[in-house]
């Protein structure tokens, strides 16, 4: 028998349906059916056997809510309930067993921290080590599923599949959509991603089709059987098998008869593939320039995107004052003003004296994400601050850490890989900025190679070739352009610059910044860090977008300047 990961890559796997579909209504005690693993194991075993008889190759343990928080007061431990559940599943004769893990409530329980959630998931995963795969089922909150994936990676090298649930409108209770979920999970090292329930069969199938366009991972489809016949259920799954669906089964209201129809249609599709010799079961998504997101909005790095700098204490003295006075209203107002002015991404840097950087950045991120949907760039030299921010940030951010040497940067790379974040590599070595473009490009290339070694994909790597100060470093200021151009043309990476550095200590700084920005864009700058409230600087970006064809028919430009 193939190992599960090999089977996912080379074949299809028929999953079971919802455990509740096979139980008598009177079986549930206070809605907590996981205890039946101990009190009525023969009833749970029968449900599993019925699904296997219908054609299921993988069954899920009856352990969805068997975490210590939910089990409190029942008289049973996580270990007892999960081990009893695994025993029931394995007695079914299924080829594979999945440890079923549901959300622990991060994001809905104010007392539950990210670390608490990771601990709850780890306890379940440790108890379920005899299963073949961890199945994170029906998740909605992106931080909750992120905590579960991280727990799995810390716990073992066992594969992880994630199924997400959405409302009929395509968003979950927290406002996130498939696009944001894919951006967050695509590079977190999971084995498969998919849809659980999520409204009608038609709606769920449209979500899986959308997911197919967003990631290269094998897809899992477990729609509800409500309102459709077993034949309709099975036919829809067969239509989706060519679109990367490798694991198919049922959600709520999908009992053994639905799984039987699913298994028959999967078998028919296998035979069709064998006849035609077709090997390409999933079209590979084209390589992208990257994407970052908040919990509600994705920003694709396929054109020039503006990073607003008004929430960086090094660039804005008023923000520094707000930090010292804990003026969150100023923070919220400035976040909104930047987005309304045209910022696509907001830079957050709170490293100033007189405050605790780690706790402050958590507070600032929560405040900003409460009023705007723009993704964030988290800016700090402290790995502890970066991780504290990642634990509360909803979405996929950019990490910016101006480390002075490669050894420091190498400590940041595992963090970016762990959370699936994009990362900025700064062309500094031994706490000095190389003066020549050749030297800076060499560092950029080294950063890129190191990122790949840490399983950070190309699209998640951004390079800062560093803007020099025109007043004091005039001899070297254009070397940034040469390095940046090579990064774009030879490495095909996105680039960023804090453009205002060029105008440091110069009068009429806006004019110098605008000119330097325009030149930088021509040499391959894609993520300029600017003050979006400076209309002259912002106008340089808008003009460039028109000239290079990124703003089709000058639609955005006309919309802004014809008001």
Protein backbone atom coordinates (compact mmCIF):
# COMPACT_ATOMS: atom_id res chain seq x y z
CA UNK A 1 0.00 0.00 0.00
CA UNK A 2 1.27 3.46 -0.93
CA UNK A 3 2.20 5.83 1.86
CA UNK A 4 -0.48 8.46 2.23
CA UNK A 5 1.60 11.34 0.87
CA UNK A 6 2.58 9.30 -2.18
CA UNK A 7 -1.03 8.36 -2.80
CA UNK A 8 -2.12 12.00 -2.59
CA UNK A 9 0.46 12.88 -5.24
CA UNK A 10 -0.18 9.95 -7.57
CA UNK A 11 -3.81 8.93 -7.10
CA UNK A 12 -7.16 9.84 -5.51
CA UNK A 13 -8.41 9.09 -2.01
CA UNK A 14 -12.05 8.55 -1.14
CA UNK A 15 -12.85 10.02 2.26
CA UNK A 16 -15.67 9.22 4.64
CA UNK A 17 -18.67 11.40 5.48
CA UNK A 18 -19.71 13.18 8.65
CA UNK A 19 -19.66 10.92 11.71
CA UNK A 20 -23.07 12.23 12.79
CA UNK A 21 -24.73 10.93 9.63
CA UNK A 22 -24.37 7.36 10.83
CA UNK A 23 -25.46 7.87 14.43
CA UNK A 24 -28.91 7.53 15.90
CA UNK A 25 -30.28 10.89 17.09
CA UNK A 26 -30.43 9.61 20.65
CA UNK A 27 -26.71 8.80 20.60
CA UNK A 28 -25.62 12.37 21.19
CA UNK A 29 -25.24 13.33 24.81
CA UNK A 30 -25.26 17.09 25.32
CA UNK A 31 -24.00 17.41 21.73
CA UNK A 32 -20.58 15.99 22.64
CA UNK A 33 -20.35 12.81 20.60
CA UNK A 34 -16.60 12.35 21.14
CA UNK A 35 -17.34 10.69 24.49
CA UNK A 36 -19.06 7.86 22.61
CA UNK A 37 -15.56 6.61 21.73
CA UNK A 38 -15.43 5.42 25.34
CA UNK A 39 -19.07 4.95 26.35
CA UNK A 40 -20.37 3.33 23.12
CA UNK A 41 -17.33 2.38 21.00
CA UNK A 42 -19.29 -0.28 19.07
CA UNK A 43 -21.62 2.43 17.73
CA UNK A 44 -18.68 4.56 16.46
CA UNK A 45 -16.97 1.48 15.00
CA UNK A 46 -20.13 0.65 13.07
CA UNK A 47 -20.26 4.14 11.54
CA UNK A 48 -16.66 3.81 10.37
CA UNK A 49 -17.25 0.31 8.97
CA UNK A 50 -20.30 1.50 7.04
CA UNK A 51 -18.24 4.23 5.37
CA UNK A 52 -15.46 1.76 4.52
CA UNK A 53 -18.04 -0.65 3.09
CA UNK A 54 -19.30 2.24 0.94
CA UNK A 55 -15.81 2.75 -0.48
CA UNK A 56 -14.04 5.13 1.90
CA UNK A 57 -10.28 4.58 1.96
CA UNK A 58 -9.63 7.09 4.74
CA UNK A 59 -11.78 7.60 7.82
CA UNK A 60 -11.69 10.44 10.31
CA UNK A 61 -11.51 9.75 14.01
CA UNK A 62 -14.44 10.90 16.14
CA UNK A 63 -12.27 13.49 17.89
CA UNK A 64 -13.22 16.83 16.33
CA UNK A 65 -13.71 18.67 19.63
CA UNK A 66 -11.60 16.42 21.86
CA UNK A 67 -9.39 19.21 23.19
CA UNK A 68 -8.77 19.80 26.89
CA UNK A 69 -10.76 23.04 26.90
CA UNK A 70 -13.88 21.29 25.58
CA UNK A 71 -13.35 18.17 27.72
CA UNK A 72 -13.08 20.12 30.95
CA UNK A 73 -15.56 18.74 33.47
CA UNK A 74 -16.33 15.55 31.55
CA UNK A 75 -14.07 13.35 33.65
CA UNK A 76 -12.08 12.24 30.59
CA UNK A 77 -8.67 13.29 29.33
CA UNK A 78 -7.63 14.19 25.79
CA UNK A 79 -5.44 11.13 25.66
CA UNK A 80 -8.28 8.80 26.68
CA UNK A 81 -10.84 10.17 24.22
CA UNK A 82 -8.44 10.40 21.26
CA UNK A 83 -6.88 6.97 21.77
CA UNK A 84 -10.34 5.42 22.06
CA UNK A 85 -11.34 7.25 18.87
CA UNK A 86 -8.28 6.00 16.99
CA UNK A 87 -8.99 2.43 18.08
CA UNK A 88 -12.55 2.72 16.74
CA UNK A 89 -11.30 4.08 13.42
CA UNK A 90 -8.61 1.47 12.96
CA UNK A 91 -11.05 -1.37 13.63
CA UNK A 92 -12.99 -0.27 10.53
CA UNK A 93 -10.38 -1.74 8.19
CA UNK A 94 -9.78 1.59 6.43
CA UNK A 95 -6.50 1.95 4.59
CA UNK A 96 -5.75 5.26 6.32
CA UNK A 97 -6.92 7.13 9.41
CA UNK A 98 -7.00 10.89 9.92
CA UNK A 99 -6.97 12.60 13.29
CA UNK A 100 -9.99 14.90 13.11
CA UNK A 101 -9.26 18.28 14.72
CA UNK A 102 -11.73 21.15 14.90
CA UNK A 103 -11.26 24.83 15.85
CA UNK A 104 -10.58 25.58 19.50
CA UNK A 105 -12.15 29.04 19.29
CA UNK A 106 -9.21 31.40 18.84
CA UNK A 107 -10.72 34.72 17.80
CA UNK A 108 -14.03 34.07 19.54
CA UNK A 109 -12.73 33.46 23.07
CA UNK A 110 -11.03 36.61 24.35
CA UNK A 111 -9.21 34.62 27.04
CA UNK A 112 -7.57 32.26 24.58
CA UNK A 113 -4.16 33.40 23.30
CA UNK A 114 -2.36 32.17 20.19
CA UNK A 115 0.08 30.21 22.36
CA UNK A 116 -2.85 28.69 24.28
CA UNK A 117 -4.38 27.53 20.99
CA UNK A 118 -1.08 26.01 19.83
CA UNK A 119 -0.84 24.11 23.14
CA UNK A 120 -4.39 22.76 22.81
CA UNK A 121 -3.71 21.54 19.28
CA UNK A 122 -0.36 20.03 20.21
CA UNK A 123 -1.92 18.04 23.02
CA UNK A 124 -4.42 16.53 20.57
CA UNK A 125 -1.73 15.82 17.98
CA UNK A 126 0.58 14.19 20.50
CA UNK A 127 -2.27 11.92 21.58
CA UNK A 128 -3.14 11.14 17.94
CA UNK A 129 0.34 10.24 16.72
CA UNK A 130 -0.82 6.81 15.49
CA UNK A 131 -2.93 8.39 12.73
CA UNK A 132 -1.61 8.85 9.20
CA UNK A 133 -2.53 12.52 8.80
CA UNK A 134 -3.78 15.46 10.83
CA UNK A 135 -7.09 16.69 9.38
CA UNK A 136 -7.94 20.27 10.40
CA UNK A 137 -11.66 20.32 9.69
CA UNK A 138 -14.11 23.14 9.00
CA UNK A 139 -11.92 26.06 10.09
CA UNK A 140 -13.05 29.65 9.62
CA UNK A 141 -10.72 31.90 11.62
CA UNK A 142 -7.35 32.26 9.82
CA UNK A 143 -5.41 32.73 13.05
CA UNK A 144 -7.00 29.60 14.49
CA UNK A 145 -5.98 27.44 11.53
CA UNK A 146 -2.53 29.08 11.52
CA UNK A 147 -2.07 28.05 15.17
CA UNK A 148 -3.13 24.49 14.33
CA UNK A 149 -0.72 24.21 11.38
CA UNK A 150 2.16 25.56 13.47
CA UNK A 151 1.33 23.10 16.25
CA UNK A 152 1.43 20.26 13.73
CA UNK A 153 4.82 21.35 12.38
CA UNK A 154 6.23 21.60 15.90
CA UNK A 155 4.76 18.24 16.86
CA UNK A 156 5.93 15.96 14.04
CA UNK A 157 6.53 15.64 10.32
CA UNK A 158 3.11 14.06 9.82
CA UNK A 159 1.20 15.53 6.83
CA UNK A 160 -1.56 18.06 7.43
CA UNK A 161 -4.71 18.67 5.40
CA UNK A 162 -6.89 21.70 6.00
CA UNK A 163 -10.55 22.09 5.07
CA UNK A 164 -12.16 25.51 5.38
CA UNK A 165 -15.79 26.48 5.83
CA UNK A 166 -17.47 29.51 4.30
CA UNK A 167 -20.94 30.97 4.33
CA UNK A 168 -23.13 30.91 1.22
CA UNK A 169 -21.77 34.33 0.22
CA UNK A 170 -18.19 33.02 -0.02
CA UNK A 171 -16.87 34.58 3.19
CA UNK A 172 -16.64 33.08 6.65
CA UNK A 173 -17.94 34.49 9.93
CA UNK A 174 -14.76 36.55 10.27
CA UNK A 175 -15.03 38.12 6.82
CA UNK A 176 -12.21 36.15 5.18
CA UNK A 177 -12.60 34.60 1.73
CA UNK A 178 -10.98 31.73 -0.17
CA UNK A 179 -8.43 34.09 -1.73
CA UNK A 180 -7.05 35.22 1.65
CA UNK A 181 -7.09 31.70 3.08
CA UNK A 182 -5.08 30.41 0.13
CA UNK A 183 -2.56 33.26 0.47
CA UNK A 184 -2.04 32.43 4.16
CA UNK A 185 -1.81 28.64 3.84
CA UNK A 186 -0.17 28.16 0.45
CA UNK A 187 3.39 28.26 1.82
CA UNK A 188 2.90 26.92 5.35
CA UNK A 189 3.94 23.38 4.45
CA UNK A 190 0.55 21.65 4.46
CA UNK A 191 -0.13 18.59 2.27
CA UNK A 192 -3.59 19.55 1.00
CA UNK A 193 -6.22 22.27 1.29
CA UNK A 194 -9.93 22.22 0.62
CA UNK A 195 -13.54 23.04 1.35
CA UNK A 196 -15.85 21.59 4.01
CA UNK A 197 -19.63 22.14 3.68
CA UNK A 198 -19.84 25.90 2.77
CA UNK A 199 -23.42 26.13 1.64
CA UNK A 200 -25.05 24.37 -1.28
CA UNK A 201 -23.21 21.84 -3.44
CA UNK A 202 -23.13 24.39 -6.26
CA UNK A 203 -21.60 27.06 -4.04
CA UNK A 204 -19.07 24.70 -2.50
CA UNK A 205 -17.99 23.54 -5.96
CA UNK A 206 -17.48 27.16 -7.09
CA UNK A 207 -15.23 27.71 -4.05
CA UNK A 208 -13.11 24.66 -4.87
CA UNK A 209 -12.78 25.89 -8.46
CA UNK A 210 -11.59 29.24 -7.15
CA UNK A 211 -9.13 27.52 -4.84
CA UNK A 212 -7.74 25.62 -7.83
CA UNK A 213 -6.72 28.93 -9.45
CA UNK A 214 -5.03 30.19 -6.28
CA UNK A 215 -2.62 27.43 -5.22
CA UNK A 216 -0.74 24.36 -6.39
CA UNK A 217 -1.63 22.17 -3.44
CA UNK A 218 -3.73 19.00 -3.84
CA UNK A 219 -7.37 19.84 -3.09
CA UNK A 220 -9.80 18.28 -0.62
CA UNK A 221 -13.54 18.46 -1.28
CA UNK A 222 -16.07 17.52 1.43
CA UNK A 223 -19.34 19.23 0.50
CA UNK A 224 -22.64 18.90 2.31
CA UNK A 225 -25.13 16.39 0.95
CA UNK A 226 -28.08 18.57 1.94
CA UNK A 227 -30.60 19.22 -0.82
CA UNK A 228 -29.00 16.91 -3.41
CA UNK A 229 -29.21 13.23 -4.27
CA UNK A 230 -26.24 10.85 -3.95
CA UNK A 231 -26.00 10.77 -7.76
CA UNK A 232 -25.83 14.58 -8.01
CA UNK A 233 -23.25 14.58 -5.23
CA UNK A 234 -21.04 12.00 -6.93
CA UNK A 235 -21.36 13.57 -10.39
CA UNK A 236 -20.21 16.96 -9.10
CA UNK A 237 -17.15 15.42 -7.45
CA UNK A 238 -16.23 13.60 -10.68
CA UNK A 239 -16.37 16.90 -12.59
CA UNK A 240 -13.90 18.41 -10.14
CA UNK A 241 -11.33 15.61 -10.13
CA UNK A 242 -9.44 17.06 -13.14
CA UNK A 243 -9.10 20.34 -11.22
CA UNK A 244 -6.74 19.07 -8.56
CA UNK A 245 -9.24 17.40 -6.23
CA UNK A 246 -7.31 14.41 -4.90
CA UNK A 247 -9.28 13.74 -1.71
CA UNK A 248 -13.08 13.65 -1.89
CA UNK A 249 -15.74 12.75 0.63
CA UNK A 250 -18.71 14.21 2.44
CA UNK A 251 -19.54 16.94 4.91
CA UNK A 252 -22.78 17.24 6.86
CA UNK A 253 -25.78 15.27 5.58
CA UNK A 254 -23.52 13.07 3.42
CA UNK A 255 -23.96 9.52 4.67
CA UNK A 256 -22.64 6.20 3.31
CA UNK A 257 -24.89 6.27 0.21
CA UNK A 258 -23.25 9.55 -0.84
CA UNK A 259 -19.77 8.14 -0.23
CA UNK A 260 -20.65 5.06 -2.28
CA UNK A 261 -21.60 7.25 -5.24
CA UNK A 262 -18.41 9.26 -4.76
CA UNK A 263 -16.29 6.08 -4.69
CA UNK A 264 -17.93 4.71 -7.86
CA UNK A 265 -17.28 7.94 -9.75
CA UNK A 266 -13.68 8.17 -8.53
CA UNK A 267 -13.18 4.59 -9.74
CA UNK A 268 -14.64 5.44 -13.14
CA UNK A 269 -12.35 8.45 -13.45
CA UNK A 270 -9.32 6.32 -12.57
CA UNK A 271 -10.23 3.92 -15.41
CA UNK A 272 -10.65 6.82 -17.86
CA UNK A 273 -7.19 8.09 -16.97
CA UNK A 274 -5.71 4.62 -17.36
CA UNK A 275 -7.21 4.29 -20.86
CA UNK A 276 -5.98 7.63 -22.11
CA UNK A 277 -2.64 7.45 -20.32
CA UNK A 278 -3.31 10.91 -19.00
CA UNK A 279 -0.88 11.87 -16.24
CA UNK A 280 -1.54 15.56 -15.79
CA UNK A 281 -4.26 15.63 -13.17
CA UNK A 282 -3.72 19.15 -11.96
CA UNK A 283 -2.63 22.11 -14.06
CA UNK A 284 0.21 23.93 -12.37
CA UNK A 285 -0.55 27.49 -11.43
CA UNK A 286 1.67 29.94 -13.23
CA UNK A 287 4.45 31.44 -11.15
CA UNK A 288 3.31 34.73 -9.66
CA UNK A 289 5.08 37.82 -8.37
CA UNK A 290 3.68 37.11 -4.94
CA UNK A 291 0.69 38.03 -2.81
CA UNK A 292 0.22 39.32 0.71
CA UNK A 293 -3.04 39.79 2.54
CA UNK A 294 -4.96 40.86 5.57
CA UNK A 295 -7.83 38.70 6.74
CA UNK A 296 -10.10 40.29 4.16
CA UNK A 297 -8.01 41.64 1.28
CA UNK A 298 -5.24 40.32 -0.97
CA UNK A 299 -2.67 42.58 -2.61
CA UNK A 300 -0.87 40.97 -5.55
CA UNK A 301 2.71 42.10 -6.09
CA UNK A 302 2.34 42.08 -9.86
CA UNK A 303 2.67 45.84 -10.30
CA UNK A 304 3.95 48.82 -8.34
CA UNK A 305 2.36 48.80 -4.89
CA UNK A 306 2.64 51.65 -2.38
CA UNK A 307 3.77 50.98 1.19
CA UNK A 308 2.66 53.82 3.46
CA UNK A 309 5.24 54.97 6.03
CA UNK A 310 3.13 57.10 8.40
CA UNK A 311 3.01 54.36 11.07
CA UNK A 312 6.79 54.05 11.17
CA UNK A 313 8.24 55.95 14.12
CA UNK A 314 11.46 56.61 12.18
CA UNK A 315 9.52 58.49 9.49
CA UNK A 316 6.76 60.23 11.47
CA UNK A 317 7.37 62.11 14.72
CA UNK A 318 3.64 62.41 15.37
CA UNK A 319 3.35 58.63 15.35
CA UNK A 320 6.25 58.43 17.82
CA UNK A 321 4.35 60.81 20.09
CA UNK A 322 1.20 58.70 19.72
CA UNK A 323 3.16 55.61 20.77
CA UNK A 324 4.46 57.27 23.92
CA UNK A 325 1.00 58.58 24.81
CA UNK A 326 -0.79 55.36 23.78
CA UNK A 327 -2.96 57.41 21.42
CA UNK A 328 -4.69 54.65 19.47
CA UNK A 329 -7.17 57.06 17.91
CA UNK A 330 -4.31 58.78 16.09
CA UNK A 331 -3.06 55.36 14.93
CA UNK A 332 -6.47 54.38 13.57
CA UNK A 333 -6.98 57.75 11.90
CA UNK A 334 -3.57 57.63 10.23
CA UNK A 335 -4.16 54.09 9.00
CA UNK A 336 -7.44 55.13 7.39
CA UNK A 337 -5.98 58.32 5.88
CA UNK A 338 -3.12 56.43 4.24
CA UNK A 339 -5.40 53.81 2.70
CA UNK A 340 -7.83 56.46 1.48
CA UNK A 341 -4.91 58.36 -0.08
CA UNK A 342 -3.79 55.29 -2.06
CA UNK A 343 -1.52 53.13 0.12
CA UNK A 344 -1.79 49.43 -0.72
CA UNK A 345 0.24 48.22 2.28
CA UNK A 346 1.04 49.87 5.64
CA UNK A 347 4.45 49.72 7.30
CA UNK A 348 4.40 49.31 11.11
CA UNK A 349 7.52 50.18 13.13
CA UNK A 350 7.13 50.94 16.86
CA UNK A 351 10.77 50.55 18.00
CA UNK A 352 11.20 53.69 20.10
CA UNK A 353 12.48 54.30 23.60
CA UNK A 354 10.12 54.34 26.56
CA UNK A 355 7.82 51.51 25.44
CA UNK A 356 7.79 47.72 25.31
CA UNK A 357 8.17 47.04 21.58
CA UNK A 358 6.65 43.54 21.55
CA UNK A 359 3.49 44.35 23.51
CA UNK A 360 3.06 47.69 21.73
CA UNK A 361 3.22 46.24 18.23
CA UNK A 362 0.51 43.73 19.18
CA UNK A 363 -1.73 46.58 20.33
CA UNK A 364 -1.00 48.66 17.21
CA UNK A 365 -1.66 45.79 14.80
CA UNK A 366 -5.00 45.02 16.45
CA UNK A 367 -5.96 48.71 16.27
CA UNK A 368 -4.97 49.05 12.61
CA UNK A 369 -6.68 45.82 11.54
CA UNK A 370 -9.87 46.96 13.25
CA UNK A 371 -10.25 49.93 10.85
CA UNK A 372 -8.57 49.01 7.52
CA UNK A 373 -8.27 45.90 5.37
CA UNK A 374 -4.86 46.76 3.90
CA UNK A 375 -2.10 44.18 4.51
CA UNK A 376 0.80 45.16 6.76
CA UNK A 377 4.58 45.19 6.66
CA UNK A 378 5.88 44.38 10.15
CA UNK A 379 9.12 46.25 10.69
CA UNK A 380 11.48 45.38 13.58
CA UNK A 381 15.01 44.23 14.30
CA UNK A 382 13.75 42.07 17.17
CA UNK A 383 12.81 38.48 16.39
CA UNK A 384 10.66 38.43 19.54
CA UNK A 385 8.72 41.47 18.33
CA UNK A 386 8.25 39.96 14.89
CA UNK A 387 6.88 36.72 16.30
CA UNK A 388 4.61 38.53 18.75
CA UNK A 389 3.19 40.44 15.79
CA UNK A 390 2.78 37.32 13.66
CA UNK A 391 0.72 35.65 16.37
CA UNK A 392 -1.98 38.33 16.29
CA UNK A 393 -1.77 39.41 12.65
CA UNK A 394 -4.66 38.06 10.60
CA UNK A 395 -3.37 37.28 7.12
CA UNK A 396 0.00 37.02 5.39
CA UNK A 397 2.30 40.00 6.08
CA UNK A 398 5.71 41.17 4.93
CA UNK A 399 8.49 40.91 7.52
CA UNK A 400 11.10 43.66 7.40
CA UNK A 401 14.14 43.39 9.64
CA UNK A 402 17.18 45.52 8.78
CA UNK A 403 19.70 43.04 10.19
CA UNK A 404 23.32 44.04 9.87
CA UNK A 405 24.73 40.65 8.88
CA UNK A 406 23.70 37.39 7.25
CA UNK A 407 23.78 35.42 10.51
CA UNK A 408 21.14 37.73 11.99
CA UNK A 409 19.03 37.47 8.86
CA UNK A 410 19.27 33.68 8.96
CA UNK A 411 17.53 33.76 12.36
CA UNK A 412 14.58 35.57 10.77
CA UNK A 413 14.19 33.14 7.85
CA UNK A 414 12.80 30.20 9.91
CA UNK A 415 10.21 32.59 11.35
CA UNK A 416 9.05 33.63 7.89
CA UNK A 417 8.89 29.99 6.80
CA UNK A 418 6.99 28.98 9.94
CA UNK A 419 4.24 31.55 9.42
CA UNK A 420 4.30 31.58 5.60
CA UNK A 421 5.16 35.29 5.52
CA UNK A 422 6.91 37.27 2.80
CA UNK A 423 10.28 38.68 3.83
CA UNK A 424 12.50 41.63 2.93
CA UNK A 425 16.21 40.98 2.61
CA UNK A 426 18.30 44.12 3.14
CA UNK A 427 21.64 44.44 1.32
CA UNK A 428 23.69 45.15 4.45
CA UNK A 429 26.67 43.06 5.49
CA UNK A 430 28.65 43.33 8.71
CA UNK A 431 26.60 46.40 9.66
CA UNK A 432 27.69 48.37 6.62
CA UNK A 433 26.08 49.25 3.30
CA UNK A 434 28.27 48.25 0.35
CA UNK A 435 28.93 51.23 -1.87
CA UNK A 436 28.89 49.48 -5.25
CA UNK A 437 25.97 47.97 -7.09
CA UNK A 438 27.96 44.76 -7.69
CA UNK A 439 28.47 44.22 -3.96
CA UNK A 440 24.85 44.92 -3.15
CA UNK A 441 23.63 42.56 -5.85
CA UNK A 442 25.95 39.87 -4.49
CA UNK A 443 24.32 40.18 -1.06
CA UNK A 444 20.85 40.10 -2.64
CA UNK A 445 21.74 36.88 -4.45
CA UNK A 446 23.03 35.35 -1.21
CA UNK A 447 19.82 36.35 0.59
CA UNK A 448 17.74 34.72 -2.13
CA UNK A 449 19.70 31.45 -1.98
CA UNK A 450 19.41 31.33 1.81
CA UNK A 451 15.67 31.92 1.62
CA UNK A 452 15.25 28.99 -0.77
CA UNK A 453 17.21 26.76 1.63
CA UNK A 454 14.63 27.61 4.30
CA UNK A 455 11.78 26.61 1.94
CA UNK A 456 10.74 30.22 1.40
CA UNK A 457 9.56 30.42 -2.22
CA UNK A 458 10.78 33.02 -4.67
CA UNK A 459 7.50 34.93 -4.62
CA UNK A 460 7.92 35.54 -0.87
CA UNK A 461 11.36 37.18 -1.20
CA UNK A 462 11.71 40.97 -1.55
CA UNK A 463 15.04 42.83 -1.74
CA UNK A 464 15.88 46.29 -0.35
CA UNK A 465 18.94 47.67 -2.18
CA UNK A 466 18.88 50.72 0.14
CA UNK A 467 18.41 54.33 -0.88
CA UNK A 468 21.51 56.42 -0.16
CA UNK A 469 21.44 60.00 1.13
CA UNK A 470 21.86 62.50 -1.72
CA UNK A 471 23.39 65.19 0.46
CA UNK A 472 26.25 63.13 1.93
CA UNK A 473 26.52 60.06 -0.31
CA UNK A 474 26.05 61.64 -3.71
CA UNK A 475 28.89 59.63 -5.23
CA UNK A 476 27.10 56.34 -4.51
CA UNK A 477 23.43 57.23 -4.75
CA UNK A 478 22.94 55.80 -8.24
CA UNK A 479 24.57 52.47 -7.32
CA UNK A 480 21.23 51.51 -5.80
CA UNK A 481 19.70 51.65 -9.27
CA UNK A 482 22.23 49.25 -10.78
CA UNK A 483 21.78 46.71 -8.00
CA UNK A 484 18.00 46.97 -8.12
CA UNK A 485 17.88 46.54 -11.88
CA UNK A 486 19.90 43.32 -11.66
CA UNK A 487 17.69 41.99 -8.86
CA UNK A 488 14.66 42.50 -11.09
CA UNK A 489 16.11 41.24 -14.35
CA UNK A 490 18.42 38.45 -13.16
CA UNK A 491 16.65 37.18 -10.02
CA UNK A 492 13.09 38.32 -10.92
CA UNK A 493 12.45 39.39 -7.33
CA UNK A 494 10.35 42.26 -6.06
CA UNK A 495 12.25 45.25 -4.68
CA UNK A 496 11.56 47.86 -2.04
CA UNK A 497 13.15 51.18 -1.03
CA UNK A 498 12.49 53.75 1.67
CA UNK A 499 12.57 56.49 -0.96
CA UNK A 500 12.57 59.46 1.44
CA UNK A 501 16.10 58.55 2.60
CA UNK A 502 17.47 60.21 -0.54
CA UNK A 503 16.10 63.59 0.55
CA UNK A 504 17.35 63.41 4.15
CA UNK A 505 18.22 66.89 5.52
CA UNK A 506 17.45 68.59 2.20
CA UNK A 507 15.01 71.51 1.84
CA UNK A 508 11.90 70.94 -0.26
CA UNK A 509 12.32 67.23 0.35
CA UNK A 510 9.15 66.36 -1.55
CA UNK A 511 10.69 67.45 -4.86
CA UNK A 512 13.85 65.41 -4.32
CA UNK A 513 11.85 62.39 -3.15
CA UNK A 514 9.56 62.54 -6.20
CA UNK A 515 12.50 62.73 -8.60
CA UNK A 516 14.39 59.91 -6.90
CA UNK A 517 11.22 57.81 -6.81
CA UNK A 518 10.59 58.28 -10.54
CA UNK A 519 14.13 57.16 -11.37
CA UNK A 520 13.89 54.20 -8.98
CA UNK A 521 10.69 52.98 -10.61
CA UNK A 522 12.39 52.99 -14.00
CA UNK A 523 15.17 50.78 -12.60
CA UNK A 524 12.81 48.15 -11.18
CA UNK A 525 11.43 49.40 -7.87
CA UNK A 526 8.11 47.64 -7.22
CA UNK A 527 7.32 48.37 -3.55
CA UNK A 528 8.20 52.00 -2.76
CA UNK A 529 7.89 53.00 0.89
CA UNK A 530 6.57 56.55 0.79
CA UNK A 531 4.37 59.09 2.53
CA UNK A 532 1.07 58.61 0.64
CA UNK A 533 -0.21 61.89 2.05
CA UNK A 534 2.39 63.76 -0.03
CA UNK A 535 0.49 64.29 -3.27
CA UNK A 536 3.62 65.05 -5.28
CA UNK A 537 5.28 61.78 -4.29
CA UNK A 538 2.08 59.77 -4.72
CA UNK A 539 1.54 61.37 -8.13
CA UNK A 540 4.90 60.08 -9.32
CA UNK A 541 3.70 56.51 -8.71
CA UNK A 542 0.35 57.11 -10.38
CA UNK A 543 2.04 58.65 -13.41
CA UNK A 544 4.48 55.74 -13.69
CA UNK A 545 1.63 53.23 -13.59
CA UNK A 546 0.06 54.93 -16.59
CA UNK A 547 3.31 55.29 -18.57
CA UNK A 548 4.34 51.64 -18.14
CA UNK A 549 0.85 50.27 -18.80
CA UNK A 550 0.00 49.05 -15.32
CA UNK A 551 -2.92 51.48 -15.10
CA UNK A 552 -4.94 50.33 -18.12
CA UNK A 553 -6.31 53.24 -20.16
CA UNK A 554 -5.21 55.51 -17.28
CA UNK A 555 -8.44 54.56 -15.47
CA UNK A 556 -7.08 55.03 -11.95
CA UNK A 557 -5.24 58.24 -12.88
CA UNK A 558 -8.35 59.76 -14.46
CA UNK A 559 -10.54 58.67 -11.55
CA UNK A 560 -8.25 60.42 -9.03
CA UNK A 561 -7.37 63.61 -10.88
CA UNK A 562 -10.67 64.39 -12.59
CA UNK A 563 -12.53 64.85 -9.32
